[in-house]
Amino acid sequence: MASNTADEPRGYCSAGVEMTTTGDTAVVQMAEVAPVANGTTIIFTDLSYQVQLADGADKTLLTAISGSFSPGKLTALMGPSGSGKTTLLDVLSGRKNQGTVTGSVLYNGEHCRLASVC
């Protein structure tokens, strides 16, 4: 697995690995692992997720997250505890049924309702 060295800037990985950071969370696109006959490409842009707390206050859990998942590519979603990794995957898979999701998500180039992923 590629890792940053002391003389590489943050957000850069060697060995042809592309890493995008947003706050404390990083999405890493690894090199191709195997040809894929069928698969789903997921592209998300400016994805935000907000919930209302019991006291009526709004809490933003995801703010303007962008990235992609491609068939045949190994992708690692990394970040410290509480940085929103599981929340992001829950939103992308349509598992969140409360709160407000904004932004754009494309599944194989088509928009789908996030509450029921195509």
N, C-alpha and C. Protein backbone atom coordinates (compact mmCIF):
# COMPACT_ATOMS: atom_id res chain seq x y z
N MET A 1 0.84 -1.18 0.00
CA MET A 1 0.00 0.00 0.00
C MET A 1 0.88 1.23 0.00
N ALA A 2 0.55 2.23 -0.80
CA ALA A 2 1.33 3.45 -0.87
C ALA A 2 1.09 4.29 0.37
N SER A 3 2.11 5.02 0.77
CA SER A 3 1.95 5.92 1.91
C SER A 3 2.75 7.18 1.65
N ASN A 4 2.38 8.24 2.34
CA ASN A 4 3.09 9.50 2.19
C ASN A 4 4.47 9.38 2.83
N THR A 5 5.46 10.00 2.23
CA THR A 5 6.77 10.09 2.84
C THR A 5 6.94 11.50 3.37
N ALA A 6 7.94 11.71 4.18
CA ALA A 6 8.14 13.00 4.84
C ALA A 6 8.30 14.14 3.85
N ASP A 7 8.90 13.89 2.67
CA ASP A 7 9.13 14.97 1.72
C ASP A 7 8.00 15.14 0.70
N GLU A 8 6.92 14.34 0.77
CA GLU A 8 5.79 14.49 -0.13
C GLU A 8 4.74 15.38 0.51
N PRO A 9 4.12 16.25 -0.28
CA PRO A 9 3.07 17.10 0.29
C PRO A 9 1.86 16.28 0.70
N ARG A 10 1.09 16.79 1.69
CA ARG A 10 -0.12 16.10 2.12
C ARG A 10 -1.07 15.97 0.94
N GLY A 11 -1.72 14.83 0.82
CA GLY A 11 -2.64 14.60 -0.27
C GLY A 11 -2.00 13.95 -1.48
N TYR A 12 -0.72 13.62 -1.38
CA TYR A 12 -0.04 12.97 -2.50
C TYR A 12 0.42 11.58 -2.07
N CYS A 13 0.18 10.61 -2.88
CA CYS A 13 0.65 9.25 -2.63
C CYS A 13 1.45 8.81 -3.84
N SER A 14 2.44 8.00 -3.62
CA SER A 14 3.25 7.51 -4.72
C SER A 14 2.60 6.29 -5.36
N ALA A 15 3.24 5.70 -6.31
CA ALA A 15 2.82 4.45 -6.98
C ALA A 15 1.50 4.60 -7.73
N GLY A 16 1.24 5.76 -8.34
CA GLY A 16 0.07 5.92 -9.19
C GLY A 16 -1.25 5.94 -8.46
N VAL A 17 -1.24 6.29 -7.18
CA VAL A 17 -2.46 6.33 -6.38
C VAL A 17 -2.91 7.77 -6.27
N GLU A 18 -4.19 8.03 -6.56
CA GLU A 18 -4.73 9.37 -6.50
C GLU A 18 -5.53 9.54 -5.21
N MET A 19 -5.23 10.59 -4.44
CA MET A 19 -5.93 10.79 -3.17
C MET A 19 -6.55 12.18 -3.15
N THR A 20 -7.83 12.26 -2.79
CA THR A 20 -8.54 13.52 -2.66
C THR A 20 -8.91 13.69 -1.21
N THR A 21 -8.56 14.83 -0.61
CA THR A 21 -8.89 15.06 0.79
C THR A 21 -9.93 16.14 0.92
N THR A 22 -10.85 15.96 1.86
CA THR A 22 -11.85 16.94 2.22
C THR A 22 -11.89 16.98 3.73
N GLY A 23 -11.34 18.03 4.32
CA GLY A 23 -11.27 18.07 5.78
C GLY A 23 -10.40 16.94 6.28
N ASP A 24 -10.93 16.12 7.16
CA ASP A 24 -10.19 15.01 7.74
C ASP A 24 -10.39 13.70 6.99
N THR A 25 -11.22 13.69 5.94
CA THR A 25 -11.55 12.46 5.24
C THR A 25 -10.83 12.42 3.89
N ALA A 26 -10.33 11.25 3.53
CA ALA A 26 -9.63 11.09 2.26
C ALA A 26 -10.27 9.97 1.46
N VAL A 27 -10.44 10.19 0.16
CA VAL A 27 -10.89 9.15 -0.75
C VAL A 27 -9.70 8.81 -1.64
N VAL A 28 -9.31 7.55 -1.64
CA VAL A 28 -8.13 7.13 -2.38
C VAL A 28 -8.54 6.24 -3.53
N GLN A 29 -8.13 6.58 -4.75
CA GLN A 29 -8.38 5.76 -5.93
C GLN A 29 -7.10 4.97 -6.21
N MET A 30 -7.19 3.66 -6.11
CA MET A 30 -6.04 2.80 -6.34
C MET A 30 -5.98 2.41 -7.82
N ALA A 31 -4.90 1.82 -8.21
CA ALA A 31 -4.72 1.35 -9.58
C ALA A 31 -5.75 0.26 -9.88
N GLU A 32 -5.98 -0.01 -11.16
CA GLU A 32 -6.92 -1.05 -11.54
C GLU A 32 -6.52 -2.39 -10.95
N VAL A 33 -7.53 -3.14 -10.48
CA VAL A 33 -7.24 -4.44 -9.87
C VAL A 33 -7.62 -5.60 -10.78
N ALA A 34 -8.63 -5.47 -11.60
CA ALA A 34 -9.04 -6.54 -12.50
C ALA A 34 -10.08 -5.98 -13.47
N PRO A 35 -10.16 -6.52 -14.66
CA PRO A 35 -11.22 -6.09 -15.59
C PRO A 35 -12.59 -6.43 -15.03
N VAL A 36 -13.54 -5.53 -15.25
CA VAL A 36 -14.89 -5.75 -14.75
C VAL A 36 -15.85 -5.67 -15.93
N ALA A 37 -16.61 -6.74 -16.14
CA ALA A 37 -17.58 -6.77 -17.24
C ALA A 37 -18.76 -5.86 -16.94
N ASN A 38 -19.29 -5.97 -15.73
CA ASN A 38 -20.41 -5.15 -15.31
C ASN A 38 -20.03 -4.48 -14.00
N GLY A 39 -20.48 -3.30 -13.83
CA GLY A 39 -20.18 -2.59 -12.60
C GLY A 39 -20.90 -1.26 -12.60
N THR A 40 -20.86 -0.60 -11.49
CA THR A 40 -21.54 0.68 -11.35
C THR A 40 -20.52 1.76 -11.04
N THR A 41 -20.57 2.83 -11.80
CA THR A 41 -19.77 4.01 -11.51
C THR A 41 -20.63 4.96 -10.69
N ILE A 42 -20.09 5.43 -9.58
CA ILE A 42 -20.80 6.38 -8.72
C ILE A 42 -19.98 7.66 -8.68
N ILE A 43 -20.60 8.77 -9.06
CA ILE A 43 -19.94 10.08 -9.01
C ILE A 43 -20.80 10.98 -8.14
N PHE A 44 -20.20 11.55 -7.11
CA PHE A 44 -20.95 12.45 -6.24
C PHE A 44 -20.23 13.80 -6.17
N THR A 45 -21.04 14.87 -6.22
CA THR A 45 -20.51 16.23 -6.27
C THR A 45 -21.23 17.10 -5.25
N ASP A 46 -20.47 17.81 -4.44
CA ASP A 46 -21.00 18.75 -3.45
C ASP A 46 -22.08 18.10 -2.57
N LEU A 47 -21.85 16.89 -2.14
CA LEU A 47 -22.81 16.13 -1.34
C LEU A 47 -22.77 16.63 0.11
N SER A 48 -23.91 17.04 0.62
CA SER A 48 -24.04 17.49 2.01
C SER A 48 -25.21 16.77 2.66
N TYR A 49 -25.12 16.57 3.97
CA TYR A 49 -26.18 15.88 4.71
C TYR A 49 -26.37 16.59 6.04
N GLN A 50 -27.63 16.96 6.31
CA GLN A 50 -27.98 17.70 7.52
C GLN A 50 -29.14 17.03 8.21
N VAL A 51 -29.06 16.93 9.54
CA VAL A 51 -30.14 16.35 10.34
C VAL A 51 -30.60 17.36 11.37
N GLN A 52 -31.83 17.14 11.87
CA GLN A 52 -32.35 17.99 12.93
C GLN A 52 -32.25 17.23 14.24
N LEU A 53 -31.64 17.86 15.24
CA LEU A 53 -31.47 17.25 16.55
C LEU A 53 -32.76 17.35 17.35
N ALA A 54 -32.84 16.63 18.46
CA ALA A 54 -34.04 16.61 19.30
C ALA A 54 -34.42 17.99 19.79
N ASP A 55 -33.43 18.87 20.02
CA ASP A 55 -33.73 20.22 20.50
C ASP A 55 -34.11 21.18 19.38
N GLY A 56 -34.22 20.67 18.15
CA GLY A 56 -34.64 21.47 17.01
C GLY A 56 -33.50 22.10 16.23
N ALA A 57 -32.30 22.00 16.76
CA ALA A 57 -31.14 22.57 16.07
C ALA A 57 -30.73 21.67 14.90
N ASP A 58 -30.22 22.29 13.84
CA ASP A 58 -29.72 21.54 12.70
C ASP A 58 -28.25 21.22 12.90
N LYS A 59 -27.85 20.01 12.48
CA LYS A 59 -26.44 19.61 12.54
C LYS A 59 -26.04 19.10 11.17
N THR A 60 -24.97 19.65 10.63
CA THR A 60 -24.45 19.23 9.34
C THR A 60 -23.43 18.12 9.56
N LEU A 61 -23.68 16.95 8.95
CA LEU A 61 -22.79 15.80 9.11
C LEU A 61 -21.82 15.65 7.95
N LEU A 62 -22.23 16.05 6.75
CA LEU A 62 -21.36 16.05 5.58
C LEU A 62 -21.46 17.42 4.91
N THR A 63 -20.34 17.97 4.49
CA THR A 63 -20.34 19.28 3.85
C THR A 63 -19.57 19.24 2.54
N ALA A 64 -20.27 19.40 1.43
CA ALA A 64 -19.67 19.56 0.09
C ALA A 64 -18.62 18.51 -0.22
N ILE A 65 -18.98 17.21 -0.09
CA ILE A 65 -18.07 16.12 -0.39
C ILE A 65 -18.22 15.75 -1.87
N SER A 66 -17.11 15.59 -2.56
CA SER A 66 -17.11 15.18 -3.96
C SER A 66 -16.14 14.02 -4.15
N GLY A 67 -16.48 13.11 -5.05
CA GLY A 67 -15.61 11.98 -5.32
C GLY A 67 -16.25 11.02 -6.29
N SER A 68 -15.60 9.86 -6.48
CA SER A 68 -16.15 8.86 -7.38
C SER A 68 -15.66 7.48 -7.01
N PHE A 69 -16.45 6.48 -7.39
CA PHE A 69 -16.11 5.07 -7.26
C PHE A 69 -16.27 4.45 -8.64
N SER A 70 -15.25 3.76 -9.12
CA SER A 70 -15.27 3.19 -10.46
C SER A 70 -15.14 1.68 -10.41
N PRO A 71 -15.85 0.98 -11.32
CA PRO A 71 -15.69 -0.48 -11.39
C PRO A 71 -14.26 -0.84 -11.74
N GLY A 72 -13.76 -1.88 -11.13
CA GLY A 72 -12.41 -2.34 -11.42
C GLY A 72 -11.33 -1.56 -10.70
N LYS A 73 -11.71 -0.64 -9.82
CA LYS A 73 -10.75 0.14 -9.04
C LYS A 73 -10.99 -0.12 -7.57
N LEU A 74 -9.92 -0.32 -6.84
CA LEU A 74 -10.00 -0.46 -5.40
C LEU A 74 -9.98 0.93 -4.80
N THR A 75 -10.97 1.26 -3.99
CA THR A 75 -11.06 2.58 -3.39
C THR A 75 -11.06 2.45 -1.89
N ALA A 76 -10.25 3.26 -1.21
CA ALA A 76 -10.20 3.28 0.24
C ALA A 76 -10.76 4.61 0.73
N LEU A 77 -11.64 4.56 1.70
CA LEU A 77 -12.21 5.75 2.31
C LEU A 77 -11.59 5.83 3.71
N MET A 78 -10.76 6.83 3.94
CA MET A 78 -9.99 6.89 5.17
C MET A 78 -10.24 8.19 5.92
N GLY A 79 -10.18 8.11 7.23
CA GLY A 79 -10.30 9.28 8.08
C GLY A 79 -10.43 8.84 9.52
N PRO A 80 -10.26 9.77 10.45
CA PRO A 80 -10.36 9.42 11.87
C PRO A 80 -11.80 9.13 12.28
N SER A 81 -11.96 8.56 13.44
CA SER A 81 -13.30 8.29 13.98
C SER A 81 -14.12 9.57 13.99
N GLY A 82 -15.37 9.44 13.55
CA GLY A 82 -16.27 10.59 13.57
C GLY A 82 -16.13 11.54 12.41
N SER A 83 -15.34 11.18 11.39
CA SER A 83 -15.14 12.10 10.27
C SER A 83 -16.21 11.98 9.18
N GLY A 84 -17.11 10.99 9.28
CA GLY A 84 -18.23 10.89 8.35
C GLY A 84 -18.11 9.80 7.30
N LYS A 85 -17.18 8.87 7.47
CA LYS A 85 -17.00 7.81 6.47
C LYS A 85 -18.25 6.95 6.33
N THR A 86 -18.77 6.45 7.43
CA THR A 86 -19.97 5.60 7.39
C THR A 86 -21.19 6.41 6.94
N THR A 87 -21.29 7.64 7.39
CA THR A 87 -22.40 8.50 6.98
C THR A 87 -22.38 8.70 5.47
N LEU A 88 -21.20 8.95 4.89
CA LEU A 88 -21.10 9.12 3.44
C LEU A 88 -21.57 7.86 2.72
N LEU A 89 -21.11 6.70 3.14
CA LEU A 89 -21.52 5.45 2.48
C LEU A 89 -23.00 5.19 2.67
N ASP A 90 -23.55 5.51 3.84
CA ASP A 90 -24.99 5.35 4.08
C ASP A 90 -25.80 6.27 3.16
N VAL A 91 -25.36 7.50 2.97
CA VAL A 91 -26.06 8.43 2.09
C VAL A 91 -26.00 7.93 0.65
N LEU A 92 -24.82 7.50 0.20
CA LEU A 92 -24.66 7.02 -1.18
C LEU A 92 -25.47 5.76 -1.45
N SER A 93 -25.67 4.94 -0.43
CA SER A 93 -26.41 3.68 -0.62
C SER A 93 -27.91 3.85 -0.38
N GLY A 94 -28.35 5.04 0.01
CA GLY A 94 -29.77 5.29 0.24
C GLY A 94 -30.27 4.81 1.59
N ARG A 95 -29.37 4.54 2.53
CA ARG A 95 -29.77 4.03 3.85
C ARG A 95 -30.24 5.13 4.79
N LYS A 96 -29.98 6.37 4.50
CA LYS A 96 -30.41 7.48 5.35
C LYS A 96 -31.81 7.91 4.91
N ASN A 97 -32.77 7.81 5.83
CA ASN A 97 -34.15 8.19 5.48
C ASN A 97 -34.63 9.38 6.29
N GLN A 98 -33.75 9.98 7.05
CA GLN A 98 -34.08 11.21 7.78
C GLN A 98 -33.06 12.26 7.41
N GLY A 99 -33.41 13.50 7.60
CA GLY A 99 -32.48 14.58 7.29
C GLY A 99 -32.60 15.02 5.85
N THR A 100 -31.70 15.93 5.48
CA THR A 100 -31.72 16.54 4.15
C THR A 100 -30.40 16.27 3.45
N VAL A 101 -30.48 15.69 2.26
CA VAL A 101 -29.30 15.44 1.44
C VAL A 101 -29.34 16.41 0.27
N THR A 102 -28.24 17.12 0.04
CA THR A 102 -28.13 18.01 -1.11
C THR A 102 -26.89 17.63 -1.90
N GLY A 103 -26.85 18.03 -3.15
CA GLY A 103 -25.73 17.72 -4.02
C GLY A 103 -26.19 16.82 -5.15
N SER A 104 -25.23 16.35 -5.92
CA SER A 104 -25.52 15.52 -7.08
C SER A 104 -24.86 14.16 -6.93
N VAL A 105 -25.63 13.09 -7.20
CA VAL A 105 -25.09 11.74 -7.22
C VAL A 105 -25.54 11.08 -8.52
N LEU A 106 -24.57 10.56 -9.27
CA LEU A 106 -24.86 9.87 -10.52
C LEU A 106 -24.46 8.41 -10.38
N TYR A 107 -25.35 7.51 -10.76
CA TYR A 107 -25.09 6.08 -10.80
C TYR A 107 -25.07 5.70 -12.28
N ASN A 108 -23.90 5.32 -12.80
CA ASN A 108 -23.72 5.05 -14.23
C ASN A 108 -24.23 6.21 -15.09
N GLY A 109 -23.96 7.42 -14.63
CA GLY A 109 -24.30 8.62 -15.39
C GLY A 109 -25.73 9.10 -15.25
N GLU A 110 -26.54 8.43 -14.43
CA GLU A 110 -27.94 8.82 -14.28
C GLU A 110 -28.23 9.23 -12.84
N HIS A 111 -29.07 10.26 -12.72
CA HIS A 111 -29.52 10.69 -11.39
C HIS A 111 -30.52 9.69 -10.85
N CYS A 112 -30.40 9.39 -9.57
CA CYS A 112 -31.36 8.52 -8.90
C CYS A 112 -31.76 9.17 -7.58
N ARG A 113 -32.95 8.86 -7.13
CA ARG A 113 -33.35 9.32 -5.80
C ARG A 113 -32.49 8.58 -4.79
N LEU A 114 -31.91 9.33 -3.87
CA LEU A 114 -31.02 8.70 -2.90
C LEU A 114 -31.75 7.78 -1.93
N ALA A 115 -33.03 8.02 -1.71
CA ALA A 115 -33.78 7.18 -0.77
C ALA A 115 -33.96 5.76 -1.32
N SER A 116 -33.90 5.62 -2.63
CA SER A 116 -34.01 4.29 -3.22
C SER A 116 -33.03 4.19 -4.38
N VAL A 117 -31.85 3.76 -4.07
CA VAL A 117 -30.78 3.71 -5.07
C VAL A 117 -31.17 2.75 -6.19
N CYS A 118 -30.94 3.15 -7.45
CA CYS A 118 -31.28 2.34 -8.61
C CYS A 118 -30.51 1.04 -8.61
